[in-house]
PDB file of N, CA and C in Angstrom:
ATOM      1  N   UNK A   1       1.095  35.177 324.030  1.00  0.00           N
ATOM      2  CA  UNK A   1       2.456  35.263 323.541  1.00  0.00           C
ATOM      3  C   UNK A   1       3.355  35.771 324.661  1.00  0.00           C
ATOM      4  N   UNK A   2       4.482  35.151 324.800  1.00  0.00           N
ATOM      5  CA  UNK A   2       5.442  35.538 325.824  1.00  0.00           C
ATOM      6  C   UNK A   2       6.421  36.557 325.264  1.00  0.00           C
ATOM      7  N   UNK A   3       6.699  37.588 326.073  1.00  0.00           N
ATOM      8  CA  UNK A   3       7.674  38.608 325.708  1.00  0.00           C
ATOM      9  C   UNK A   3       8.655  38.783 326.854  1.00  0.00           C
ATOM     10  N   UNK A   4       9.898  39.098 326.512  1.00  0.00           N
ATOM     11  CA  UNK A   4      10.890  39.382 327.548  1.00  0.00           C
ATOM     12  C   UNK A   4      10.529  40.687 328.247  1.00  0.00           C
ATOM     13  N   UNK A   5      10.699  40.706 329.564  1.00  0.00           N
ATOM     14  CA  UNK A   5      10.466  41.923 330.338  1.00  0.00           C
ATOM     15  C   UNK A   5      11.728  42.773 330.227  1.00  0.00           C
ATOM     16  N   UNK A   6      11.576  43.959 329.688  1.00  0.00           N
ATOM     17  CA  UNK A   6      12.736  44.815 329.426  1.00  0.00           C
ATOM     18  C   UNK A   6      12.886  45.947 330.427  1.00  0.00           C
ATOM     19  N   UNK A   7      11.900  46.173 331.267  1.00  0.00           N
ATOM     20  CA  UNK A   7      11.934  47.268 332.234  1.00  0.00           C
ATOM     21  C   UNK A   7      12.859  46.875 333.397  1.00  0.00           C
ATOM     22  N   UNK A   8      14.103  47.279 333.310  1.00  0.00           N
ATOM     23  CA  UNK A   8      15.117  46.884 334.295  1.00  0.00           C
ATOM     24  C   UNK A   8      14.826  47.451 335.682  1.00  0.00           C
ATOM     25  N   UNK A   9      14.271  48.671 335.745  1.00  0.00           N
ATOM     26  CA  UNK A   9      13.947  49.254 337.045  1.00  0.00           C
ATOM     27  C   UNK A   9      12.857  48.441 337.740  1.00  0.00           C
ATOM     28  N   UNK A  10      11.839  48.029 336.986  1.00  0.00           N
ATOM     29  CA  UNK A  10      10.769  47.202 337.539  1.00  0.00           C
ATOM     30  C   UNK A  10      11.317  45.868 338.019  1.00  0.00           C
ATOM     31  N   UNK A  11      12.160  45.237 337.210  1.00  0.00           N
ATOM     32  CA  UNK A  11      12.732  43.943 337.594  1.00  0.00           C
ATOM     33  C   UNK A  11      13.592  44.066 338.849  1.00  0.00           C
ATOM     34  N   UNK A  12      14.321  45.155 338.955  1.00  0.00           N
ATOM     35  CA  UNK A  12      15.147  45.381 340.140  1.00  0.00           C
ATOM     36  C   UNK A  12      14.282  45.512 341.387  1.00  0.00           C
ATOM     37  N   UNK A  13      13.205  46.292 341.305  1.00  0.00           N
ATOM     38  CA  UNK A  13      12.299  46.441 342.441  1.00  0.00           C
ATOM     39  C   UNK A  13      11.648  45.102 342.802  1.00  0.00           C
ATOM     40  N   UNK A  14      11.285  44.343 341.800  1.00  0.00           N
ATOM     41  CA  UNK A  14      10.641  43.055 342.040  1.00  0.00           C
ATOM     42  C   UNK A  14      11.608  42.081 342.712  1.00  0.00           C
ATOM     43  N   UNK A  15      12.836  42.035 342.236  1.00  0.00           N
ATOM     44  CA  UNK A  15      13.834  41.156 342.858  1.00  0.00           C
ATOM     45  C   UNK A  15      14.111  41.578 344.300  1.00  0.00           C
ATOM     46  N   UNK A  16      14.190  42.886 344.535  1.00  0.00           N
ATOM     47  CA  UNK A  16      14.425  43.367 345.895  1.00  0.00           C
ATOM     48  C   UNK A  16      13.288  42.968 346.821  1.00  0.00           C
ATOM     49  N   UNK A  17      12.062  43.144 346.384  1.00  0.00           N
ATOM     50  CA  UNK A  17      10.911  42.774 347.202  1.00  0.00           C
ATOM     51  C   UNK A  17      10.890  41.279 347.484  1.00  0.00           C
ATOM     52  N   UNK A  18      11.084  40.476 346.454  1.00  0.00           N
ATOM     53  CA  UNK A  18      11.088  39.016 346.642  1.00  0.00           C
ATOM     54  C   UNK A  18      12.246  38.594 347.534  1.00  0.00           C
ATOM     55  N   UNK A  19      13.401  39.220 347.370  1.00  0.00           N
ATOM     56  CA  UNK A  19      14.553  38.914 348.212  1.00  0.00           C
ATOM     57  C   UNK A  19      14.278  39.224 349.676  1.00  0.00           C
ATOM     58  N   UNK A  20      13.588  40.348 349.940  1.00  0.00           N
ATOM     59  CA  UNK A  20      13.232  40.682 351.318  1.00  0.00           C
ATOM     60  C   UNK A  20      12.284  39.647 351.912  1.00  0.00           C
ATOM     61  N   UNK A  21      11.340  39.176 351.124  1.00  0.00           N
ATOM     62  CA  UNK A  21      10.408  38.142 351.603  1.00  0.00           C
ATOM     63  C   UNK A  21      11.167  36.859 351.929  1.00  0.00           C
ATOM     64  N   UNK A  22      12.080  36.472 351.071  1.00  0.00           N
ATOM     65  CA  UNK A  22      12.861  35.257 351.314  1.00  0.00           C
ATOM     66  C   UNK A  22      13.773  35.425 352.532  1.00  0.00           C
ATOM     67  N   UNK A  23      14.361  36.613 352.703  1.00  0.00           N
ATOM     68  CA  UNK A  23      15.187  36.869 353.885  1.00  0.00           C
ATOM     69  C   UNK A  23      14.348  36.773 355.156  1.00  0.00           C
ATOM     70  N   UNK A  24      13.135  37.310 355.114  1.00  0.00           N
ATOM     71  CA  UNK A  24      12.232  37.205 356.265  1.00  0.00           C
ATOM     72  C   UNK A  24      11.933  35.747 356.583  1.00  0.00           C
ATOM     73  N   UNK A  25      11.733  34.947 355.558  1.00  0.00           N
ATOM     74  CA  UNK A  25      11.466  33.516 355.747  1.00  0.00           C
ATOM     75  C   UNK A  25      12.653  32.836 356.423  1.00  0.00           C
ATOM     76  N   UNK A  26      13.859  33.108 355.947  1.00  0.00           N
ATOM     77  CA  UNK A  26      15.060  32.517 356.549  1.00  0.00           C
ATOM     78  C   UNK A  26      15.227  32.972 357.997  1.00  0.00           C
ATOM     79  N   UNK A  27      14.955  34.242 358.258  1.00  0.00           N
ATOM     80  CA  UNK A  27      15.057  34.776 359.618  1.00  0.00           C
ATOM     81  C   UNK A  27      14.035  34.091 360.533  1.00  0.00           C
ATOM     82  N   UNK A  28      12.820  33.927 360.051  1.00  0.00           N
ATOM     83  CA  UNK A  28      11.779  33.243 360.817  1.00  0.00           C
ATOM     84  C   UNK A  28      12.201  31.814 361.161  1.00  0.00           C
ATOM     85  N   UNK A  29      12.725  31.093 360.193  1.00  0.00           N
ATOM     86  CA  UNK A  29      13.170  29.716 360.448  1.00  0.00           C
ATOM     87  C   UNK A  29      14.271  29.686 361.495  1.00  0.00           C
ATOM     88  N   UNK A  30      15.204  30.638 361.412  1.00  0.00           N
ATOM     89  CA  UNK A  30      16.315  30.671 362.371  1.00  0.00           C
ATOM     90  C   UNK A  30      15.830  31.023 363.774  1.00  0.00           C
ATOM     91  N   UNK A  31      15.047  32.084 363.885  1.00  0.00           N
ATOM     92  CA  UNK A  31      14.622  32.562 365.202  1.00  0.00           C
ATOM     93  C   UNK A  31      13.622  31.621 365.882  1.00  0.00           C
ATOM     94  N   UNK A  32      12.675  31.100 365.141  1.00  0.00           N
ATOM     95  CA  UNK A  32      11.610  30.297 365.751  1.00  0.00           C
ATOM     96  C   UNK A  32      11.910  28.807 365.816  1.00  0.00           C
ATOM     97  N   UNK A  33      12.779  28.316 364.910  1.00  0.00           N
ATOM     98  CA  UNK A  33      13.006  26.872 364.847  1.00  0.00           C
ATOM     99  C   UNK A  33      14.475  26.470 364.863  1.00  0.00           C
ATOM    100  N   UNK A  34      15.378  27.443 364.940  1.00  0.00           N
ATOM    101  CA  UNK A  34      16.826  27.178 364.930  1.00  0.00           C
ATOM    102  C   UNK A  34      17.240  26.391 363.688  1.00  0.00           C
ATOM    103  N   UNK A  35      16.691  26.792 362.555  1.00  0.00           N
ATOM    104  CA  UNK A  35      17.017  26.174 361.274  1.00  0.00           C
ATOM    105  C   UNK A  35      17.779  27.186 360.426  1.00  0.00           C
ATOM    106  N   UNK A  36      18.948  26.794 359.962  1.00  0.00           N
ATOM    107  CA  UNK A  36      19.723  27.659 359.072  1.00  0.00           C
ATOM    108  C   UNK A  36      19.324  27.391 357.635  1.00  0.00           C
ATOM    109  N   UNK A  37      19.011  28.450 356.902  1.00  0.00           N
ATOM    110  CA  UNK A  37      18.577  28.293 355.514  1.00  0.00           C
ATOM    111  C   UNK A  37      19.129  29.430 354.667  1.00  0.00           C
ATOM    112  N   UNK A  38      19.339  29.143 353.402  1.00  0.00           N
ATOM    113  CA  UNK A  38      19.728  30.148 352.426  1.00  0.00           C
ATOM    114  C   UNK A  38      18.779  30.035 351.237  1.00  0.00           C
ATOM    115  N   UNK A  39      18.741  31.066 350.426  1.00  0.00           N
ATOM    116  CA  UNK A  39      17.892  31.046 349.243  1.00  0.00           C
ATOM    117  C   UNK A  39      18.665  31.604 348.065  1.00  0.00           C
ATOM    118  N   UNK A  40      18.256  31.220 346.894  1.00  0.00           N
ATOM    119  CA  UNK A  40      18.844  31.782 345.691  1.00  0.00           C
ATOM    120  C   UNK A  40      17.862  31.682 344.538  1.00  0.00           C
ATOM    121  N   UNK A  41      17.982  32.651 343.662  1.00  0.00           N
ATOM    122  CA  UNK A  41      17.133  32.733 342.484  1.00  0.00           C
ATOM    123  C   UNK A  41      17.591  31.693 341.473  1.00  0.00           C
ATOM    124  N   UNK A  42      16.649  30.977 340.889  1.00  0.00           N
ATOM    125  CA  UNK A  42      16.967  29.943 339.896  1.00  0.00           C
ATOM    126  C   UNK A  42      16.152  30.182 338.624  1.00  0.00           C
ATOM    127  N   UNK A  43      16.442  29.412 337.622  1.00  0.00           N
ATOM    128  CA  UNK A  43      15.661  29.464 336.384  1.00  0.00           C
ATOM    129  C   UNK A  43      15.927  30.716 335.577  1.00  0.00           C
ATOM    130  N   UNK A  44      14.906  31.151 334.851  1.00  0.00           N
ATOM    131  CA  UNK A  44      15.065  32.281 333.940  1.00  0.00           C
ATOM    132  C   UNK A  44      15.380  33.574 334.687  1.00  0.00           C
ATOM    133  N   UNK A  45      14.885  33.723 335.898  1.00  0.00           N
ATOM    134  CA  UNK A  45      15.179  34.923 336.676  1.00  0.00           C
ATOM    135  C   UNK A  45      16.650  35.056 337.011  1.00  0.00           C
ATOM    136  N   UNK A  46      17.302  33.929 337.270  1.00  0.00           N
ATOM    137  CA  UNK A  46      18.727  33.946 337.585  1.00  0.00           C
ATOM    138  C   UNK A  46      19.567  34.289 336.356  1.00  0.00           C
ATOM    139  N   UNK A  47      19.019  34.057 335.187  1.00  0.00           N
ATOM    140  CA  UNK A  47      19.750  34.304 333.933  1.00  0.00           C
ATOM    141  C   UNK A  47      19.324  35.602 333.254  1.00  0.00           C
ATOM    142  N   UNK A  48      18.521  36.405 333.958  1.00  0.00           N
ATOM    143  CA  UNK A  48      18.006  37.665 333.404  1.00  0.00           C
ATOM    144  C   UNK A  48      17.246  37.457 332.100  1.00  0.00           C
ATOM    145  N   UNK A  49      16.481  36.373 332.040  1.00  0.00           N
ATOM    146  CA  UNK A  49      15.671  36.057 330.864  1.00  0.00           C
ATOM    147  C   UNK A  49      14.206  35.937 331.269  1.00  0.00           C
ATOM    148  N   UNK A  50      13.704  36.932 331.951  1.00  0.00           N
ATOM    149  CA  UNK A  50      12.357  36.884 332.501  1.00  0.00           C
ATOM    150  C   UNK A  50      11.351  37.229 331.410  1.00  0.00           C
ATOM    151  N   UNK A  51      10.349  36.373 331.280  1.00  0.00           N
ATOM    152  CA  UNK A  51       9.310  36.588 330.276  1.00  0.00           C
ATOM    153  C   UNK A  51       7.964  36.782 330.971  1.00  0.00           C
ATOM    154  N   UNK A  52       7.041  37.389 330.229  1.00  0.00           N
ATOM    155  CA  UNK A  52       5.699  37.639 330.743  1.00  0.00           C
ATOM    156  C   UNK A  52       4.700  37.358 329.636  1.00  0.00           C
ATOM    157  N   UNK A  53       3.607  36.742 329.989  1.00  0.00           N
ATOM    158  CA  UNK A  53       2.532  36.451 329.044  1.00  0.00           C
ATOM    159  C   UNK A  53       1.495  37.553 329.136  1.00  0.00           C
ATOM    160  N   UNK A  54       1.471  38.438 328.155  1.00  0.00           N
ATOM    161  CA  UNK A  54       0.530  39.567 328.089  1.00  0.00           C
ATOM    162  C   UNK A  54       0.568  40.363 329.388  1.00  0.00           C
ATOM    163  N   UNK A  55      -0.564  40.487 330.072  1.00  0.00           N
ATOM    164  CA  UNK A  55      -0.614  41.289 331.295  1.00  0.00           C
ATOM    165  C   UNK A  55      -0.605  40.420 332.553  1.00  0.00           C
ATOM    166  N   UNK A  56      -0.253  39.166 332.431  1.00  0.00           N
ATOM    167  CA  UNK A  56      -0.212  38.281 333.590  1.00  0.00           C
ATOM    168  C   UNK A  56       1.000  38.584 334.459  1.00  0.00           C
ATOM    169  N   UNK A  57       0.997  38.029 335.645  1.00  0.00           N
ATOM    170  CA  UNK A  57       2.097  38.277 336.575  1.00  0.00           C
ATOM    171  C   UNK A  57       3.392  37.618 336.101  1.00  0.00           C
ATOM    172  N   UNK A  58       4.476  38.068 336.707  1.00  0.00           N
ATOM    173  CA  UNK A  58       5.804  37.524 336.416  1.00  0.00           C
ATOM    174  C   UNK A  58       6.133  36.516 337.505  1.00  0.00           C
ATOM    175  N   UNK A  59       6.762  35.434 337.119  1.00  0.00           N
ATOM    176  CA  UNK A  59       7.072  34.362 338.049  1.00  0.00           C
ATOM    177  C   UNK A  59       8.580  34.274 338.249  1.00  0.00           C
ATOM    178  N   UNK A  60       9.020  34.464 339.494  1.00  0.00           N
ATOM    179  CA  UNK A  60      10.419  34.233 339.849  1.00  0.00           C
ATOM    180  C   UNK A  60      10.479  32.987 340.715  1.00  0.00           C
ATOM    181  N   UNK A  61      11.441  32.135 340.452  1.00  0.00           N
ATOM    182  CA  UNK A  61      11.582  30.894 341.205  1.00  0.00           C
ATOM    183  C   UNK A  61      12.814  30.974 342.095  1.00  0.00           C
ATOM    184  N   UNK A  62      12.625  30.629 343.349  1.00  0.00           N
ATOM    185  CA  UNK A  62      13.713  30.602 344.326  1.00  0.00           C
ATOM    186  C   UNK A  62      13.835  29.194 344.896  1.00  0.00           C
ATOM    187  N   UNK A  63      15.053  28.799 345.196  1.00  0.00           N
ATOM    188  CA  UNK A  63      15.288  27.586 345.970  1.00  0.00           C
ATOM    189  C   UNK A  63      15.561  28.000 347.400  1.00  0.00           C
ATOM    190  N   UNK A  64      14.971  27.300 348.339  1.00  0.00           N
ATOM    191  CA  UNK A  64      15.243  27.490 349.760  1.00  0.00           C
ATOM    192  C   UNK A  64      15.991  26.249 350.216  1.00  0.00           C
ATOM    193  N   UNK A  65      17.223  26.449 350.639  1.00  0.00           N
ATOM    194  CA  UNK A  65      18.090  25.322 351.003  1.00  0.00           C
ATOM    195  C   UNK A  65      18.330  25.328 352.508  1.00  0.00           C
ATOM    196  N   UNK A  66      18.006  24.213 353.149  1.00  0.00           N
ATOM    197  CA  UNK A  66      18.258  24.052 354.583  1.00  0.00           C
ATOM    198  C   UNK A  66      19.730  23.674 354.743  1.00  0.00           C
ATOM    199  N   UNK A  67      20.486  24.486 355.483  1.00  0.00           N
ATOM    200  CA  UNK A  67      21.921  24.238 355.639  1.00  0.00           C
ATOM    201  C   UNK A  67      22.297  23.808 357.053  1.00  0.00           C
ATOM    202  N   UNK A  68      21.404  24.032 358.004  1.00  0.00           N
ATOM    203  CA  UNK A  68      21.682  23.612 359.375  1.00  0.00           C
ATOM    204  C   UNK A  68      20.366  23.239 360.037  1.00  0.00           C
ATOM    205  N   UNK A  69      20.376  22.054 360.630  1.00  0.00           N
ATOM    206  CA  UNK A  69      19.163  21.554 361.263  1.00  0.00           C
ATOM    207  C   UNK A  69      19.546  20.824 362.541  1.00  0.00           C
ATOM    208  N   UNK A  70      19.132  21.360 363.674  1.00  0.00           N
ATOM    209  CA  UNK A  70      19.475  20.769 364.967  1.00  0.00           C
ATOM    210  C   UNK A  70      18.348  19.930 365.549  1.00  0.00           C
ATOM    211  N   UNK A  71      17.139  20.195 365.122  1.00  0.00           N
ATOM    212  CA  UNK A  71      15.974  19.539 365.719  1.00  0.00           C
ATOM    213  C   UNK A  71      15.625  18.245 364.979  1.00  0.00           C
ATOM    214  N   UNK A  72      14.578  17.605 365.425  1.00  0.00           N
ATOM    215  CA  UNK A  72      14.175  16.332 364.849  1.00  0.00           C
ATOM    216  C   UNK A  72      13.458  16.503 363.514  1.00  0.00           C
ATOM    217  N   UNK A  73      13.389  15.431 362.767  1.00  0.00           N
ATOM    218  CA  UNK A  73      12.687  15.423 361.483  1.00  0.00           C
ATOM    219  C   UNK A  73      11.200  15.695 361.685  1.00  0.00           C
ATOM    220  N   UNK A  74      10.651  15.223 362.774  1.00  0.00           N
ATOM    221  CA  UNK A  74       9.225  15.427 363.060  1.00  0.00           C
ATOM    222  C   UNK A  74       8.881  16.904 363.118  1.00  0.00           C
ATOM    223  N   UNK A  75       9.748  17.703 363.759  1.00  0.00           N
ATOM    224  CA  UNK A  75       9.490  19.132 363.836  1.00  0.00           C
ATOM    225  C   UNK A  75       9.485  19.761 362.450  1.00  0.00           C
ATOM    226  N   UNK A  76      10.374  19.334 361.575  1.00  0.00           N
ATOM    227  CA  UNK A  76      10.421  19.869 360.213  1.00  0.00           C
ATOM    228  C   UNK A  76       9.137  19.533 359.459  1.00  0.00           C
ATOM    229  N   UNK A  77       8.617  18.360 359.666  1.00  0.00           N
ATOM    230  CA  UNK A  77       7.359  17.987 359.019  1.00  0.00           C
ATOM    231  C   UNK A  77       6.220  18.865 359.507  1.00  0.00           C
ATOM    232  N   UNK A  78       6.276  19.303 360.775  1.00  0.00           N
ATOM    233  CA  UNK A  78       5.242  20.199 361.289  1.00  0.00           C
ATOM    234  C   UNK A  78       5.299  21.561 360.598  1.00  0.00           C
ATOM    235  N   UNK A  79       6.498  22.027 360.281  1.00  0.00           N
ATOM    236  CA  UNK A  79       6.658  23.316 359.614  1.00  0.00           C
ATOM    237  C   UNK A  79       6.077  23.249 358.215  1.00  0.00           C
ATOM    238  N   UNK A  80       6.364  22.148 357.526  1.00  0.00           N
ATOM    239  CA  UNK A  80       5.905  22.015 356.154  1.00  0.00           C
ATOM    240  C   UNK A  80       4.424  21.767 356.133  1.00  0.00           C
TER     241      UNK A  80
END
């Protein structure tokens, strides 16, 4: 059974941690590959409707959007 996660302090810490990971990813792309990227939270996490199934982990979904790309398509395929 799915229940809404009501612990706002926990959700805040989780969003901060995930945001730091995504920022590190964007920084890595910029520094190592000269790729500009942004990220944003989507889905239920963006709407503050996060649910959890019993004691299983919580899933936050982020979109990573490439906004600047100077190199060739081949190099991007190597990253992926």
